[in-house]
């Protein structure tokens, strides 16, 4: 698997934070705040796969781009950035040696915390 940093998604996440579209929740809230599979499917049906990719800091170009397997490390609920998601993805990216994604998440978390 060749997961890389999705720079377009990172740019979108930064813009959302700057626009105030962020939930400053706690670390363990992501399991409750993450979109369900049905929510994701409705989003893809309405917005398309490209827009869905923009909600994930990880992308795998070896996978079919019109599948959920092509994306990883979500940072929000498909409407807003969630602080808890960024914390979670930073930790997971570090565990799996995706240093560029981990570092981007850390910088995004710093942006969230500095704009609060």
N, C-alpha and C. Protein backbone atom coordinates (compact mmCIF):
# COMPACT_ATOMS: atom_id res chain seq x y z
N UNK A 1 0.84 -1.18 0.00
CA UNK A 1 0.00 0.00 0.00
C UNK A 1 0.88 1.24 0.00
N UNK A 2 0.61 2.14 -0.88
CA UNK A 2 1.43 3.34 -1.04
C UNK A 2 0.64 4.57 -0.63
N UNK A 3 0.33 4.67 0.64
CA UNK A 3 -0.44 5.81 1.12
C UNK A 3 0.46 7.04 1.18
N UNK A 4 -0.06 8.13 0.65
CA UNK A 4 0.69 9.40 0.66
C UNK A 4 -0.20 10.51 1.20
N UNK A 5 0.42 11.62 1.53
CA UNK A 5 -0.32 12.78 2.01
C UNK A 5 -1.16 13.36 0.87
N UNK A 6 -2.42 13.57 1.14
CA UNK A 6 -3.35 14.18 0.20
C UNK A 6 -3.30 15.69 0.43
N UNK A 7 -2.47 16.38 -0.33
CA UNK A 7 -2.25 17.81 -0.13
C UNK A 7 -3.51 18.64 -0.39
N UNK A 8 -4.33 18.20 -1.31
CA UNK A 8 -5.59 18.91 -1.58
C UNK A 8 -6.49 18.85 -0.35
N UNK A 9 -6.55 17.69 0.28
CA UNK A 9 -7.35 17.54 1.50
C UNK A 9 -6.79 18.40 2.63
N UNK A 10 -5.47 18.44 2.74
CA UNK A 10 -4.85 19.27 3.77
C UNK A 10 -5.17 20.75 3.55
N UNK A 11 -5.11 21.19 2.32
CA UNK A 11 -5.46 22.58 2.01
C UNK A 11 -6.92 22.86 2.37
N UNK A 12 -7.81 21.92 2.06
CA UNK A 12 -9.22 22.09 2.39
C UNK A 12 -9.40 22.16 3.90
N UNK A 13 -8.73 21.28 4.63
CA UNK A 13 -8.86 21.26 6.09
C UNK A 13 -8.39 22.58 6.69
N UNK A 14 -7.27 23.09 6.21
CA UNK A 14 -6.77 24.38 6.71
C UNK A 14 -7.77 25.50 6.43
N UNK A 15 -8.34 25.52 5.25
CA UNK A 15 -9.31 26.56 4.88
C UNK A 15 -10.55 26.45 5.77
N UNK A 16 -11.01 25.24 6.02
CA UNK A 16 -12.17 25.05 6.89
C UNK A 16 -11.90 25.57 8.30
N UNK A 17 -10.72 25.28 8.81
CA UNK A 17 -10.36 25.77 10.14
C UNK A 17 -10.33 27.30 10.15
N UNK A 18 -9.70 27.89 9.16
CA UNK A 18 -9.62 29.36 9.08
C UNK A 18 -11.02 29.98 8.97
N UNK A 19 -11.95 29.25 8.34
CA UNK A 19 -13.32 29.75 8.18
C UNK A 19 -14.20 29.43 9.40
N UNK A 20 -13.62 28.83 10.42
CA UNK A 20 -14.36 28.52 11.63
C UNK A 20 -15.20 27.26 11.55
N UNK A 21 -15.00 26.47 10.54
CA UNK A 21 -15.78 25.22 10.38
C UNK A 21 -15.02 24.07 11.04
N UNK A 22 -14.97 24.16 12.36
CA UNK A 22 -14.20 23.20 13.15
C UNK A 22 -14.95 22.92 14.45
N UNK A 23 -14.88 21.68 14.91
CA UNK A 23 -15.44 21.27 16.19
C UNK A 23 -14.26 21.00 17.11
N UNK A 24 -14.20 21.75 18.18
CA UNK A 24 -13.09 21.62 19.13
C UNK A 24 -13.49 20.62 20.23
N UNK A 25 -13.54 19.37 19.84
CA UNK A 25 -13.96 18.31 20.75
C UNK A 25 -12.74 17.65 21.39
N UNK A 26 -13.01 16.66 22.21
CA UNK A 26 -11.96 16.00 22.96
C UNK A 26 -11.45 14.75 22.25
N UNK A 27 -10.30 14.32 22.63
CA UNK A 27 -9.57 13.23 22.00
C UNK A 27 -10.44 12.00 21.72
N UNK A 28 -11.19 11.56 22.69
CA UNK A 28 -11.91 10.28 22.56
C UNK A 28 -13.29 10.41 21.91
N UNK A 29 -13.63 11.58 21.41
CA UNK A 29 -14.96 11.80 20.83
C UNK A 29 -15.11 11.27 19.41
N UNK A 30 -14.03 10.95 18.73
CA UNK A 30 -14.10 10.61 17.32
C UNK A 30 -14.96 9.38 17.04
N UNK A 31 -14.95 8.40 17.93
CA UNK A 31 -15.77 7.21 17.69
C UNK A 31 -17.26 7.56 17.61
N UNK A 32 -17.67 8.61 18.32
CA UNK A 32 -19.06 9.04 18.26
C UNK A 32 -19.32 10.06 17.16
N UNK A 33 -18.31 10.81 16.77
CA UNK A 33 -18.49 11.90 15.82
C UNK A 33 -18.20 11.51 14.37
N UNK A 34 -17.51 10.40 14.18
CA UNK A 34 -17.17 9.97 12.82
C UNK A 34 -18.43 9.68 12.02
N UNK A 35 -18.44 10.01 10.74
CA UNK A 35 -19.61 9.69 9.92
C UNK A 35 -19.78 8.18 9.78
N UNK A 36 -21.02 7.75 9.73
CA UNK A 36 -21.31 6.32 9.54
C UNK A 36 -21.05 5.96 8.07
N UNK A 37 -21.03 4.67 7.80
CA UNK A 37 -20.89 4.22 6.41
C UNK A 37 -22.05 4.75 5.57
N UNK A 38 -23.24 4.78 6.12
CA UNK A 38 -24.39 5.33 5.39
C UNK A 38 -24.22 6.82 5.11
N UNK A 39 -23.70 7.56 6.08
CA UNK A 39 -23.43 8.99 5.87
C UNK A 39 -22.42 9.17 4.74
N UNK A 40 -21.38 8.35 4.77
CA UNK A 40 -20.35 8.43 3.72
C UNK A 40 -20.95 8.11 2.36
N UNK A 41 -21.76 7.07 2.29
CA UNK A 41 -22.37 6.68 1.02
C UNK A 41 -23.29 7.78 0.47
N UNK A 42 -24.06 8.40 1.36
CA UNK A 42 -24.92 9.51 0.92
C UNK A 42 -24.08 10.68 0.42
N UNK A 43 -22.97 10.95 1.09
CA UNK A 43 -22.08 12.03 0.67
C UNK A 43 -21.52 11.73 -0.73
N UNK A 44 -21.04 10.52 -0.92
CA UNK A 44 -20.48 10.13 -2.23
C UNK A 44 -21.55 10.24 -3.32
N UNK A 45 -22.75 9.78 -3.03
CA UNK A 45 -23.84 9.87 -4.00
C UNK A 45 -24.14 11.32 -4.37
N UNK A 46 -24.09 12.21 -3.40
CA UNK A 46 -24.42 13.62 -3.64
C UNK A 46 -23.25 14.43 -4.18
N UNK A 47 -22.05 14.16 -3.68
CA UNK A 47 -20.89 15.02 -3.98
C UNK A 47 -19.85 14.36 -4.89
N UNK A 48 -19.80 13.05 -4.90
CA UNK A 48 -18.84 12.34 -5.73
C UNK A 48 -17.59 11.92 -4.97
N UNK A 49 -16.84 11.04 -5.63
CA UNK A 49 -15.63 10.48 -5.02
C UNK A 49 -14.53 11.50 -4.83
N UNK A 50 -14.39 12.43 -5.74
CA UNK A 50 -13.33 13.44 -5.61
C UNK A 50 -13.53 14.25 -4.34
N UNK A 51 -14.75 14.69 -4.09
CA UNK A 51 -15.04 15.47 -2.87
C UNK A 51 -14.84 14.60 -1.62
N UNK A 52 -15.18 13.32 -1.71
CA UNK A 52 -14.98 12.42 -0.58
C UNK A 52 -13.49 12.30 -0.25
N UNK A 53 -12.65 12.23 -1.28
CA UNK A 53 -11.19 12.16 -1.07
C UNK A 53 -10.68 13.38 -0.34
N UNK A 54 -11.32 14.51 -0.55
CA UNK A 54 -10.87 15.76 0.08
C UNK A 54 -11.06 15.77 1.59
N UNK A 55 -11.73 14.77 2.13
CA UNK A 55 -11.95 14.67 3.57
C UNK A 55 -11.00 13.68 4.24
N UNK A 56 -9.95 13.27 3.52
CA UNK A 56 -9.00 12.28 4.03
C UNK A 56 -7.57 12.73 3.74
N UNK A 57 -6.72 12.73 4.78
CA UNK A 57 -5.33 13.16 4.59
C UNK A 57 -4.47 12.07 3.95
N UNK A 58 -4.97 10.85 3.89
CA UNK A 58 -4.24 9.77 3.24
C UNK A 58 -4.93 9.33 1.98
N UNK A 59 -4.14 9.10 0.94
CA UNK A 59 -4.68 8.61 -0.32
C UNK A 59 -3.72 7.56 -0.89
N UNK A 60 -4.28 6.51 -1.44
CA UNK A 60 -3.49 5.42 -2.02
C UNK A 60 -3.80 5.35 -3.51
N UNK A 61 -2.86 5.80 -4.31
CA UNK A 61 -3.05 5.85 -5.76
C UNK A 61 -3.05 4.47 -6.41
N UNK A 62 -2.67 3.44 -5.66
CA UNK A 62 -2.70 2.08 -6.20
C UNK A 62 -4.11 1.48 -6.14
N UNK A 63 -5.00 2.11 -5.38
CA UNK A 63 -6.37 1.62 -5.26
C UNK A 63 -7.27 2.34 -6.26
N UNK A 64 -8.40 1.73 -6.54
CA UNK A 64 -9.41 2.36 -7.40
C UNK A 64 -9.87 3.65 -6.71
N UNK A 65 -9.75 4.80 -7.38
CA UNK A 65 -10.10 6.06 -6.73
C UNK A 65 -11.59 6.19 -6.39
N UNK A 66 -12.40 5.32 -6.92
CA UNK A 66 -13.83 5.36 -6.62
C UNK A 66 -14.22 4.27 -5.63
N UNK A 67 -13.33 4.07 -4.65
CA UNK A 67 -13.61 3.15 -3.55
C UNK A 67 -13.10 3.78 -2.25
N UNK A 68 -13.65 3.32 -1.16
CA UNK A 68 -13.21 3.81 0.15
C UNK A 68 -11.81 3.30 0.49
N UNK A 69 -11.38 2.23 -0.16
CA UNK A 69 -10.04 1.71 0.09
C UNK A 69 -8.94 2.67 -0.38
N UNK A 70 -9.30 3.63 -1.22
CA UNK A 70 -8.32 4.57 -1.76
C UNK A 70 -8.01 5.71 -0.80
N UNK A 71 -8.76 5.81 0.30
CA UNK A 71 -8.56 6.93 1.22
C UNK A 71 -8.39 6.43 2.65
N UNK A 72 -7.72 7.24 3.46
CA UNK A 72 -7.52 6.93 4.87
C UNK A 72 -7.26 8.22 5.63
N UNK A 73 -7.30 8.12 6.91
CA UNK A 73 -7.02 9.25 7.80
C UNK A 73 -8.02 10.41 7.62
N UNK A 74 -9.30 10.15 7.91
CA UNK A 74 -10.30 11.23 7.83
C UNK A 74 -10.06 12.27 8.91
N UNK A 75 -10.35 13.52 8.60
CA UNK A 75 -10.13 14.60 9.56
C UNK A 75 -11.43 15.29 9.98
N UNK A 76 -12.56 14.82 9.49
CA UNK A 76 -13.81 15.47 9.86
C UNK A 76 -15.02 14.64 9.51
N UNK A 77 -16.19 15.27 9.73
CA UNK A 77 -17.46 14.57 9.57
C UNK A 77 -18.15 14.85 8.23
N UNK A 78 -17.38 15.33 7.26
CA UNK A 78 -17.85 15.66 5.91
C UNK A 78 -18.55 17.01 5.85
N UNK A 79 -18.55 17.73 6.97
CA UNK A 79 -19.04 19.12 7.00
C UNK A 79 -18.08 20.03 7.74
N UNK A 80 -17.44 19.50 8.78
CA UNK A 80 -16.53 20.28 9.61
C UNK A 80 -15.31 19.45 9.99
N UNK A 81 -14.21 20.13 10.26
CA UNK A 81 -13.02 19.49 10.81
C UNK A 81 -13.30 19.18 12.28
N UNK A 82 -12.89 18.01 12.73
CA UNK A 82 -13.04 17.65 14.14
C UNK A 82 -11.66 17.50 14.76
N UNK A 83 -11.44 18.22 15.84
CA UNK A 83 -10.17 18.15 16.55
C UNK A 83 -9.87 16.70 16.95
N UNK A 84 -10.88 15.98 17.42
CA UNK A 84 -10.68 14.59 17.83
C UNK A 84 -10.22 13.71 16.67
N UNK A 85 -10.70 13.97 15.48
CA UNK A 85 -10.29 13.20 14.30
C UNK A 85 -8.83 13.46 13.97
N UNK A 86 -8.43 14.71 14.08
CA UNK A 86 -7.04 15.08 13.77
C UNK A 86 -6.09 14.44 14.78
N UNK A 87 -6.48 14.44 16.07
CA UNK A 87 -5.66 13.78 17.09
C UNK A 87 -5.54 12.30 16.78
N UNK A 88 -6.66 11.67 16.46
CA UNK A 88 -6.67 10.25 16.17
C UNK A 88 -5.81 9.92 14.95
N UNK A 89 -5.97 10.69 13.89
CA UNK A 89 -5.22 10.36 12.67
C UNK A 89 -3.73 10.64 12.85
N UNK A 90 -3.38 11.64 13.65
CA UNK A 90 -1.96 11.89 13.91
C UNK A 90 -1.33 10.68 14.59
N UNK A 91 -2.02 10.13 15.57
CA UNK A 91 -1.52 8.96 16.29
C UNK A 91 -1.41 7.75 15.38
N UNK A 92 -2.45 7.48 14.60
CA UNK A 92 -2.44 6.31 13.71
C UNK A 92 -1.39 6.46 12.61
N UNK A 93 -1.25 7.66 12.07
CA UNK A 93 -0.24 7.87 11.02
C UNK A 93 1.16 7.61 11.57
N UNK A 94 1.41 8.04 12.81
CA UNK A 94 2.69 7.78 13.44
C UNK A 94 2.94 6.30 13.66
N UNK A 95 1.89 5.58 14.08
CA UNK A 95 2.00 4.14 14.31
C UNK A 95 2.42 3.39 13.04
N UNK A 96 1.93 3.86 11.90
CA UNK A 96 2.16 3.15 10.64
C UNK A 96 3.23 3.82 9.77
N UNK A 97 4.04 4.67 10.41
CA UNK A 97 5.20 5.31 9.76
C UNK A 97 4.83 6.17 8.55
N UNK A 98 3.69 6.81 8.61
CA UNK A 98 3.32 7.80 7.59
C UNK A 98 3.68 9.17 8.15
N UNK A 99 5.00 9.43 8.16
CA UNK A 99 5.51 10.62 8.84
C UNK A 99 4.98 11.92 8.25
N UNK A 100 4.82 11.96 6.92
CA UNK A 100 4.32 13.19 6.31
C UNK A 100 2.88 13.47 6.72
N UNK A 101 2.07 12.43 6.83
CA UNK A 101 0.68 12.59 7.27
C UNK A 101 0.65 12.96 8.75
N UNK A 102 1.46 12.29 9.54
CA UNK A 102 1.54 12.61 10.97
C UNK A 102 1.92 14.07 11.20
N UNK A 103 2.94 14.53 10.47
CA UNK A 103 3.41 15.91 10.63
C UNK A 103 2.37 16.92 10.16
N UNK A 104 1.66 16.59 9.09
CA UNK A 104 0.59 17.48 8.60
C UNK A 104 -0.54 17.56 9.62
N UNK A 105 -0.88 16.43 10.23
CA UNK A 105 -1.93 16.41 11.25
C UNK A 105 -1.51 17.22 12.47
N UNK A 106 -0.25 17.11 12.85
CA UNK A 106 0.25 17.88 14.00
C UNK A 106 0.13 19.38 13.72
N UNK A 107 0.53 19.79 12.54
CA UNK A 107 0.43 21.21 12.17
C UNK A 107 -1.03 21.66 12.09
N UNK A 108 -1.91 20.79 11.60
CA UNK A 108 -3.33 21.11 11.54
C UNK A 108 -3.90 21.26 12.95
N UNK A 109 -3.51 20.39 13.85
CA UNK A 109 -3.96 20.48 15.24
C UNK A 109 -3.48 21.79 15.88
N UNK A 110 -2.25 22.19 15.59
CA UNK A 110 -1.75 23.45 16.10
C UNK A 110 -2.56 24.62 15.55
N UNK A 111 -2.95 24.55 14.28
CA UNK A 111 -3.79 25.60 13.69
C UNK A 111 -5.16 25.65 14.39
N UNK A 112 -5.74 24.49 14.62
CA UNK A 112 -7.04 24.42 15.30
C UNK A 112 -6.92 25.08 16.68
N UNK A 113 -5.89 24.72 17.41
CA UNK A 113 -5.74 25.21 18.78
C UNK A 113 -5.39 26.69 18.82
N UNK A 114 -4.74 27.19 17.80
CA UNK A 114 -4.36 28.61 17.79
C UNK A 114 -5.50 29.53 17.33
N UNK A 115 -6.50 28.96 16.67
CA UNK A 115 -7.60 29.79 16.17
C UNK A 115 -8.82 29.73 17.08
N UNK A 116 -8.72 29.02 18.19
CA UNK A 116 -9.86 28.85 19.08
C UNK A 116 -10.10 30.04 19.91
